[in-house]
Amino acid sequence: MGESNTAPARVVLTNGRTRVWVERGALHWKRGRTTITVPGSQIRQVKVAGQSLAVGIFEDAQVGTALTVRHRNTAVVAALGAEIEAIRSDAEAAGNLQSIRRQSVRIWPLRILVGLRDRVRNGSPWWRRALWYVLLGFPLAVWLPVEPGFLGPIAWLLLPPGIALLRLWVGMAELDTRWVMWRRGITVRASFESDPYREATSAYIVHFRTLDGR
């Protein structure tokens, strides 16, 4: 599953609310709302034992000295462990000492409000249309010359659920594919480029690395 169109392909280990991946010479460890970015120079050791991965880091008051995670696929654990070991070795050769960074996202009400603001400003035009529907549609529905008077607001309320039910039907039609991907798929970060041998503007070549390094 492709997630990025700029970064090179990387294995992403997911276990519940924990996500672990390597990107741009650093280990990214996301647990819940908090993401810890550990440069290769701060990694002391990497231990891979079957389904378990443990990363020892140098002493840090905010992070602690060890990060551990488990995954049902041992090949994914081994591949990610090899990537972490690689950035640690590269950092030792370069001799660059960088600090550990810790970032926490906003709690969900604020995050939702900020996300809605960004979507209205920079997202699909449908978000702006929905905003106008809320701001202008309700007064117009109230002022509609219909009897009884509550039919206008009821019609205003029923249109969005109708669209949502249609979207839900489309999602249910894709549920089987999503289930197979969740049970058997492996998430990777992939890079995309336009296919020079096809005229279609939506034709892309996807680059990603397999667990055996190809």
C-alpha atoms as a PDB file:
ATOM      1  CA  MET A   1       0.000   0.000   0.000  1.00  0.00           C
ATOM      2  CA  GLY A   2       1.622   3.273  -1.031  1.00  0.00           C
ATOM      3  CA  GLU A   3       1.683   6.100   1.513  1.00  0.00           C
ATOM      4  CA  SER A   4       4.190   8.646   0.231  1.00  0.00           C
ATOM      5  CA  ASN A   5       5.221   9.989  -3.147  1.00  0.00           C
ATOM      6  CA  THR A   6       8.556  11.459  -2.060  1.00  0.00           C
ATOM      7  CA  ALA A   7      10.319   9.162   0.388  1.00  0.00           C
ATOM      8  CA  PRO A   8      12.015   5.923  -0.688  1.00  0.00           C
ATOM      9  CA  ALA A   9      10.295   2.634   0.030  1.00  0.00           C
ATOM     10  CA  ARG A  10      10.317   1.523   3.674  1.00  0.00           C
ATOM     11  CA  VAL A  11       8.662  -1.198   5.728  1.00  0.00           C
ATOM     12  CA  VAL A  12       6.087   0.119   8.204  1.00  0.00           C
ATOM     13  CA  LEU A  13       5.485  -2.113  11.227  1.00  0.00           C
ATOM     14  CA  THR A  14       2.003  -1.692  12.708  1.00  0.00           C
ATOM     15  CA  ASN A  15       0.784  -3.165  15.974  1.00  0.00           C
ATOM     16  CA  GLY A  16      -2.371  -1.622  17.424  1.00  0.00           C
ATOM     17  CA  ARG A  17      -1.733   2.089  17.978  1.00  0.00           C
ATOM     18  CA  THR A  18       2.015   1.655  17.445  1.00  0.00           C
ATOM     19  CA  ARG A  19       3.653   2.329  14.081  1.00  0.00           C
ATOM     20  CA  VAL A  20       7.386   2.015  13.463  1.00  0.00           C
ATOM     21  CA  TRP A  21       9.318   2.910  10.324  1.00  0.00           C
ATOM     22  CA  VAL A  22      12.669   4.246   9.098  1.00  0.00           C
ATOM     23  CA  GLU A  23      12.835   7.396   7.032  1.00  0.00           C
ATOM     24  CA  ARG A  24      15.645   9.818   6.128  1.00  0.00           C
ATOM     25  CA  GLY A  25      18.223   8.248   8.394  1.00  0.00           C
ATOM     26  CA  ALA A  26      16.032   8.198  11.503  1.00  0.00           C
ATOM     27  CA  LEU A  27      13.758   5.789  13.341  1.00  0.00           C
ATOM     28  CA  HIS A  28      10.170   7.010  13.707  1.00  0.00           C
ATOM     29  CA  TRP A  29       8.254   5.405  16.568  1.00  0.00           C
ATOM     30  CA  LYS A  30       4.611   6.493  16.796  1.00  0.00           C
ATOM     31  CA  ARG A  31       2.522   5.350  19.737  1.00  0.00           C
ATOM     32  CA  GLY A  32      -0.910   6.897  20.037  1.00  0.00           C
ATOM     33  CA  ARG A  33      -0.621  10.668  19.627  1.00  0.00           C
ATOM     34  CA  THR A  34       3.119  10.781  20.304  1.00  0.00           C
ATOM     35  CA  THR A  35       5.856  10.286  17.711  1.00  0.00           C
ATOM     36  CA  ILE A  36       9.490   9.844  18.720  1.00  0.00           C
ATOM     37  CA  THR A  37      12.132  10.459  16.056  1.00  0.00           C
ATOM     38  CA  VAL A  38      15.437   8.777  16.912  1.00  0.00           C
ATOM     39  CA  PRO A  39      18.427   9.581  14.661  1.00  0.00           C
ATOM     40  CA  GLY A  40      20.735   6.713  13.828  1.00  0.00           C
ATOM     41  CA  SER A  41      23.454   8.226  16.022  1.00  0.00           C
ATOM     42  CA  GLN A  42      21.214   7.833  19.099  1.00  0.00           C
ATOM     43  CA  ILE A  43      20.543   4.112  18.578  1.00  0.00           C
ATOM     44  CA  ARG A  44      22.695   1.953  20.842  1.00  0.00           C
ATOM     45  CA  GLN A  45      21.595  -1.542  19.786  1.00  0.00           C
ATOM     46  CA  VAL A  46      18.928  -3.434  17.844  1.00  0.00           C
ATOM     47  CA  LYS A  47      17.606  -6.816  18.974  1.00  0.00           C
ATOM     48  CA  VAL A  48      15.359  -8.978  16.789  1.00  0.00           C
ATOM     49  CA  ALA A  49      13.930 -12.154  18.348  1.00  0.00           C
ATOM     50  CA  GLY A  50      11.196 -13.802  16.322  1.00  0.00           C
ATOM     51  CA  GLN A  51       8.147 -11.549  16.557  1.00  0.00           C
ATOM     52  CA  SER A  52       9.814  -9.060  18.926  1.00  0.00           C
ATOM     53  CA  LEU A  53      11.870  -5.979  18.105  1.00  0.00           C
ATOM     54  CA  ALA A  54      13.761  -4.023  20.773  1.00  0.00           C
ATOM     55  CA  VAL A  55      15.714  -0.861  20.054  1.00  0.00           C
ATOM     56  CA  GLY A  56      18.092   0.401  22.718  1.00  0.00           C
ATOM     57  CA  ILE A  57      18.799   4.124  22.641  1.00  0.00           C
ATOM     58  CA  PHE A  58      21.146   6.342  24.576  1.00  0.00           C
ATOM     59  CA  GLU A  59      19.882   7.793  27.831  1.00  0.00           C
ATOM     60  CA  ASP A  60      17.153  10.403  27.363  1.00  0.00           C
ATOM     61  CA  ALA A  61      14.895  11.789  30.063  1.00  0.00           C
ATOM     62  CA  GLN A  62      11.880  12.110  27.778  1.00  0.00           C
ATOM     63  CA  VAL A  63      12.062   8.833  25.889  1.00  0.00           C
ATOM     64  CA  GLY A  64      13.723   6.293  28.150  1.00  0.00           C
ATOM     65  CA  THR A  65      16.353   3.809  27.067  1.00  0.00           C
ATOM     66  CA  ALA A  66      14.440   1.104  25.147  1.00  0.00           C
ATOM     67  CA  LEU A  67      11.630   0.832  22.626  1.00  0.00           C
ATOM     68  CA  THR A  68       9.924  -2.531  22.102  1.00  0.00           C
ATOM     69  CA  VAL A  69       7.199  -3.791  19.777  1.00  0.00           C
ATOM     70  CA  ARG A  70       5.821  -7.124  18.540  1.00  0.00           C
ATOM     71  CA  HIS A  71       4.415  -8.166  15.159  1.00  0.00           C
ATOM     72  CA  ARG A  72       2.914 -11.431  13.943  1.00  0.00           C
ATOM     73  CA  ASN A  73       5.031 -11.451  10.756  1.00  0.00           C
ATOM     74  CA  THR A  74       8.640 -12.308  11.623  1.00  0.00           C
ATOM     75  CA  ALA A  75       9.820 -11.301   8.131  1.00  0.00           C
ATOM     76  CA  VAL A  76       8.535  -7.762   8.691  1.00  0.00           C
ATOM     77  CA  VAL A  77      10.289  -7.590  12.072  1.00  0.00           C
ATOM     78  CA  ALA A  78      13.553  -8.833  10.587  1.00  0.00           C
ATOM     79  CA  ALA A  79      13.391  -6.442   7.635  1.00  0.00           C
ATOM     80  CA  LEU A  80      12.707  -3.437   9.852  1.00  0.00           C
ATOM     81  CA  GLY A  81      15.456  -4.499  12.242  1.00  0.00           C
ATOM     82  CA  ALA A  82      17.899  -4.599   9.322  1.00  0.00           C
ATOM     83  CA  GLU A  83      16.867  -1.098   8.253  1.00  0.00           C
ATOM     84  CA  ILE A  84      17.391   0.259  11.781  1.00  0.00           C
ATOM     85  CA  GLU A  85      20.777  -1.437  11.988  1.00  0.00           C
ATOM     86  CA  ALA A  86      21.715   0.124   8.648  1.00  0.00           C
ATOM     87  CA  ILE A  87      20.987   3.711   9.734  1.00  0.00           C
ATOM     88  CA  ARG A  88      22.857   3.092  12.994  1.00  0.00           C
ATOM     89  CA  SER A  89      25.925   1.934  11.076  1.00  0.00           C
ATOM     90  CA  ASP A  90      25.709   4.866   8.668  1.00  0.00           C
ATOM     91  CA  ALA A  91      25.491   7.311  11.575  1.00  0.00           C
ATOM     92  CA  GLU A  92      28.533   5.776  13.244  1.00  0.00           C
ATOM     93  CA  ALA A  93      30.520   6.141  10.030  1.00  0.00           C
ATOM     94  CA  ALA A  94      29.421   9.766   9.556  1.00  0.00           C
ATOM     95  CA  GLY A  95      29.967  10.723  13.192  1.00  0.00           C
ATOM     96  CA  ASN A  96      27.017  13.131  13.281  1.00  0.00           C
ATOM     97  CA  LEU A  97      25.346  13.359  16.686  1.00  0.00           C
ATOM     98  CA  GLN A  98      21.733  14.536  16.508  1.00  0.00           C
ATOM     99  CA  SER A  99      19.168  14.868  19.244  1.00  0.00           C
ATOM    100  CA  ILE A 100      16.036  12.791  19.792  1.00  0.00           C
ATOM    101  CA  ARG A 101      12.822  14.615  18.906  1.00  0.00           C
ATOM    102  CA  ARG A 102       9.423  14.065  20.482  1.00  0.00           C
ATOM    103  CA  GLN A 103       6.193  15.368  18.953  1.00  0.00           C
ATOM    104  CA  SER A 104       2.606  15.038  20.164  1.00  0.00           C
ATOM    105  CA  VAL A 105      -0.446  15.844  18.067  1.00  0.00           C
ATOM    106  CA  ARG A 106      -3.432  17.756  19.401  1.00  0.00           C
ATOM    107  CA  ILE A 107      -6.278  15.989  21.172  1.00  0.00           C
ATOM    108  CA  TRP A 108      -8.973  14.826  18.802  1.00  0.00           C
ATOM    109  CA  PRO A 109     -11.484  17.732  19.131  1.00  0.00           C
ATOM    110  CA  LEU A 110      -8.840  20.330  18.283  1.00  0.00           C
ATOM    111  CA  ARG A 111      -7.322  18.058  15.643  1.00  0.00           C
ATOM    112  CA  ILE A 112     -10.708  17.629  13.987  1.00  0.00           C
ATOM    113  CA  LEU A 113     -11.370  21.376  13.979  1.00  0.00           C
ATOM    114  CA  VAL A 114      -7.936  22.144  12.526  1.00  0.00           C
ATOM    115  CA  GLY A 115      -8.366  19.360   9.973  1.00  0.00           C
ATOM    116  CA  LEU A 116     -11.750  20.719   8.916  1.00  0.00           C
ATOM    117  CA  ARG A 117     -10.285  24.197   8.567  1.00  0.00           C
ATOM    118  CA  ASP A 118      -7.445  22.901   6.372  1.00  0.00           C
ATOM    119  CA  ARG A 119      -9.824  20.814   4.275  1.00  0.00           C
ATOM    120  CA  VAL A 120     -12.120  23.766   3.683  1.00  0.00           C
ATOM    121  CA  ARG A 121      -9.187  25.991   2.734  1.00  0.00           C
ATOM    122  CA  ASN A 122      -7.054  23.618   0.693  1.00  0.00           C
ATOM    123  CA  GLY A 123      -9.038  20.429   0.169  1.00  0.00           C
ATOM    124  CA  SER A 124     -11.655  19.281  -2.271  1.00  0.00           C
ATOM    125  CA  PRO A 125     -14.219  21.866  -3.449  1.00  0.00           C
ATOM    126  CA  TRP A 126     -16.881  19.628  -1.947  1.00  0.00           C
ATOM    127  CA  TRP A 127     -15.789  20.710   1.556  1.00  0.00           C
ATOM    128  CA  ARG A 128     -16.430  24.348   0.705  1.00  0.00           C
ATOM    129  CA  ARG A 129     -19.769  23.411  -0.831  1.00  0.00           C
ATOM    130  CA  ALA A 130     -20.692  21.545   2.352  1.00  0.00           C
ATOM    131  CA  LEU A 131     -19.821  24.614   4.417  1.00  0.00           C
ATOM    132  CA  TRP A 132     -21.994  26.827   2.249  1.00  0.00           C
ATOM    133  CA  TYR A 133     -24.774  24.239   2.509  1.00  0.00           C
ATOM    134  CA  VAL A 134     -24.649  24.450   6.298  1.00  0.00           C
ATOM    135  CA  LEU A 135     -24.408  28.245   6.479  1.00  0.00           C
ATOM    136  CA  LEU A 136     -26.923  29.126   3.756  1.00  0.00           C
ATOM    137  CA  GLY A 137     -29.016  25.991   3.341  1.00  0.00           C
ATOM    138  CA  PHE A 138     -30.607  26.031   6.789  1.00  0.00           C
ATOM    139  CA  PRO A 139     -31.944  29.626   6.648  1.00  0.00           C
ATOM    140  CA  LEU A 140     -33.318  28.982   3.186  1.00  0.00           C
ATOM    141  CA  ALA A 141     -34.949  25.752   4.384  1.00  0.00           C
ATOM    142  CA  VAL A 142     -36.572  27.605   7.290  1.00  0.00           C
ATOM    143  CA  TRP A 143     -37.919  30.314   5.009  1.00  0.00           C
ATOM    144  CA  LEU A 144     -39.360  27.920   2.438  1.00  0.00           C
ATOM    145  CA  PRO A 145     -43.093  28.634   1.940  1.00  0.00           C
ATOM    146  CA  VAL A 146     -44.276  25.090   2.687  1.00  0.00           C
ATOM    147  CA  GLU A 147     -46.946  23.733   4.981  1.00  0.00           C
ATOM    148  CA  PRO A 148     -46.351  22.473   7.594  1.00  0.00           C
ATOM    149  CA  GLY A 149     -43.273  24.653   8.202  1.00  0.00           C
ATOM    150  CA  PHE A 150     -41.055  21.902   9.633  1.00  0.00           C
ATOM    151  CA  LEU A 151     -40.835  20.112   6.249  1.00  0.00           C
ATOM    152  CA  GLY A 152     -38.131  22.516   5.033  1.00  0.00           C
ATOM    153  CA  PRO A 153     -35.650  21.798   7.875  1.00  0.00           C
ATOM    154  CA  ILE A 154     -36.430  18.074   7.620  1.00  0.00           C
ATOM    155  CA  ALA A 155     -35.546  18.101   3.924  1.00  0.00           C
ATOM    156  CA  TRP A 156     -32.348  20.028   4.761  1.00  0.00           C
ATOM    157  CA  LEU A 157     -31.402  17.391   7.337  1.00  0.00           C
ATOM    158  CA  LEU A 158     -32.182  14.385   5.121  1.00  0.00           C
ATOM    159  CA  LEU A 159     -29.944  15.292   2.171  1.00  0.00           C
ATOM    160  CA  PRO A 160     -26.547  14.771   3.936  1.00  0.00           C
ATOM    161  CA  PRO A 161     -27.582  11.374   5.437  1.00  0.00           C
ATOM    162  CA  GLY A 162     -28.663  10.272   1.964  1.00  0.00           C
ATOM    163  CA  ILE A 163     -25.228  11.110   0.569  1.00  0.00           C
ATOM    164  CA  ALA A 164     -23.569   9.417   3.572  1.00  0.00           C
ATOM    165  CA  LEU A 165     -25.611   6.232   3.028  1.00  0.00           C
ATOM    166  CA  LEU A 166     -24.516   6.163  -0.597  1.00  0.00           C
ATOM    167  CA  ARG A 167     -20.868   6.495   0.482  1.00  0.00           C
ATOM    168  CA  LEU A 168     -21.396   3.739   3.075  1.00  0.00           C
ATOM    169  CA  TRP A 169     -22.751   1.425   0.389  1.00  0.00           C
ATOM    170  CA  VAL A 170     -19.627   2.016  -1.715  1.00  0.00           C
ATOM    171  CA  GLY A 171     -17.429   1.296   1.317  1.00  0.00           C
ATOM    172  CA  MET A 172     -19.283  -1.936   2.087  1.00  0.00           C
ATOM    173  CA  ALA A 173     -18.773  -3.046  -1.508  1.00  0.00           C
ATOM    174  CA  GLU A 174     -15.003  -2.698  -0.950  1.00  0.00           C
ATOM    175  CA  LEU A 175     -15.039  -4.370   2.473  1.00  0.00           C
ATOM    176  CA  ASP A 176     -13.870  -7.751   1.210  1.00  0.00           C
ATOM    177  CA  THR A 177     -10.763  -6.246  -0.393  1.00  0.00           C
ATOM    178  CA  ARG A 178     -10.016  -4.185   2.721  1.00  0.00           C
ATOM    179  CA  TRP A 179     -10.315  -7.286   4.927  1.00  0.00           C
ATOM    180  CA  VAL A 180      -7.875  -9.263   2.792  1.00  0.00           C
ATOM    181  CA  MET A 181      -5.389  -6.367   2.814  1.00  0.00           C
ATOM    182  CA  TRP A 182      -5.675  -5.980   6.590  1.00  0.00           C
ATOM    183  CA  ARG A 183      -5.117  -9.677   7.255  1.00  0.00           C
ATOM    184  CA  ARG A 184      -2.455 -10.454   4.634  1.00  0.00           C
ATOM    185  CA  GLY A 185      -1.086  -7.167   3.362  1.00  0.00           C
ATOM    186  CA  ILE A 186       2.177  -5.487   4.370  1.00  0.00           C
ATOM    187  CA  THR A 187       2.341  -1.697   4.476  1.00  0.00           C
ATOM    188  CA  VAL A 188       5.283  -0.049   2.747  1.00  0.00           C
ATOM    189  CA  ARG A 189       6.216   3.508   1.877  1.00  0.00           C
ATOM    190  CA  ALA A 190       6.470   3.806  -1.877  1.00  0.00           C
ATOM    191  CA  SER A 191       7.601   6.436  -4.354  1.00  0.00           C
ATOM    192  CA  PHE A 192       5.609   7.263  -7.483  1.00  0.00           C
ATOM    193  CA  GLU A 193       6.644   8.597 -10.867  1.00  0.00           C
ATOM    194  CA  SER A 194       4.791   9.149 -14.108  1.00  0.00           C
ATOM    195  CA  ASP A 195       4.999   6.335 -16.650  1.00  0.00           C
ATOM    196  CA  PRO A 196       6.873   7.778 -19.664  1.00  0.00           C
ATOM    197  CA  TYR A 197       5.657   4.966 -21.928  1.00  0.00           C
ATOM    198  CA  ARG A 198       1.948   5.683 -21.508  1.00  0.00           C
ATOM    199  CA  GLU A 199       0.021   8.731 -22.596  1.00  0.00           C
ATOM    200  CA  ALA A 200      -2.536   8.638 -19.776  1.00  0.00           C
ATOM    201  CA  THR A 201      -1.894  11.286 -17.131  1.00  0.00           C
ATOM    202  CA  SER A 202      -3.022   8.875 -14.384  1.00  0.00           C
ATOM    203  CA  ALA A 203      -0.448   6.177 -15.261  1.00  0.00           C
ATOM    204  CA  TYR A 204       2.281   5.806 -12.637  1.00  0.00           C
ATOM    205  CA  ILE A 205       5.208   3.551 -11.796  1.00  0.00           C
ATOM    206  CA  VAL A 206       5.353   2.582  -8.121  1.00  0.00           C
ATOM    207  CA  HIS A 207       8.736   1.806  -6.538  1.00  0.00           C
ATOM    208  CA  PHE A 208       8.912  -0.158  -3.298  1.00  0.00           C
ATOM    209  CA  ARG A 209      11.290  -2.605  -1.677  1.00  0.00           C
ATOM    210  CA  THR A 210      10.266  -6.159  -0.809  1.00  0.00           C
ATOM    211  CA  LEU A 211      11.120  -7.837   2.486  1.00  0.00           C
ATOM    212  CA  ASP A 212      13.989  -9.736   0.902  1.00  0.00           C
ATOM    213  CA  GLY A 213      15.625  -6.488  -0.211  1.00  0.00           C
ATOM    214  CA  ARG A 214      14.628  -6.420  -3.899  1.00  0.00           C
END
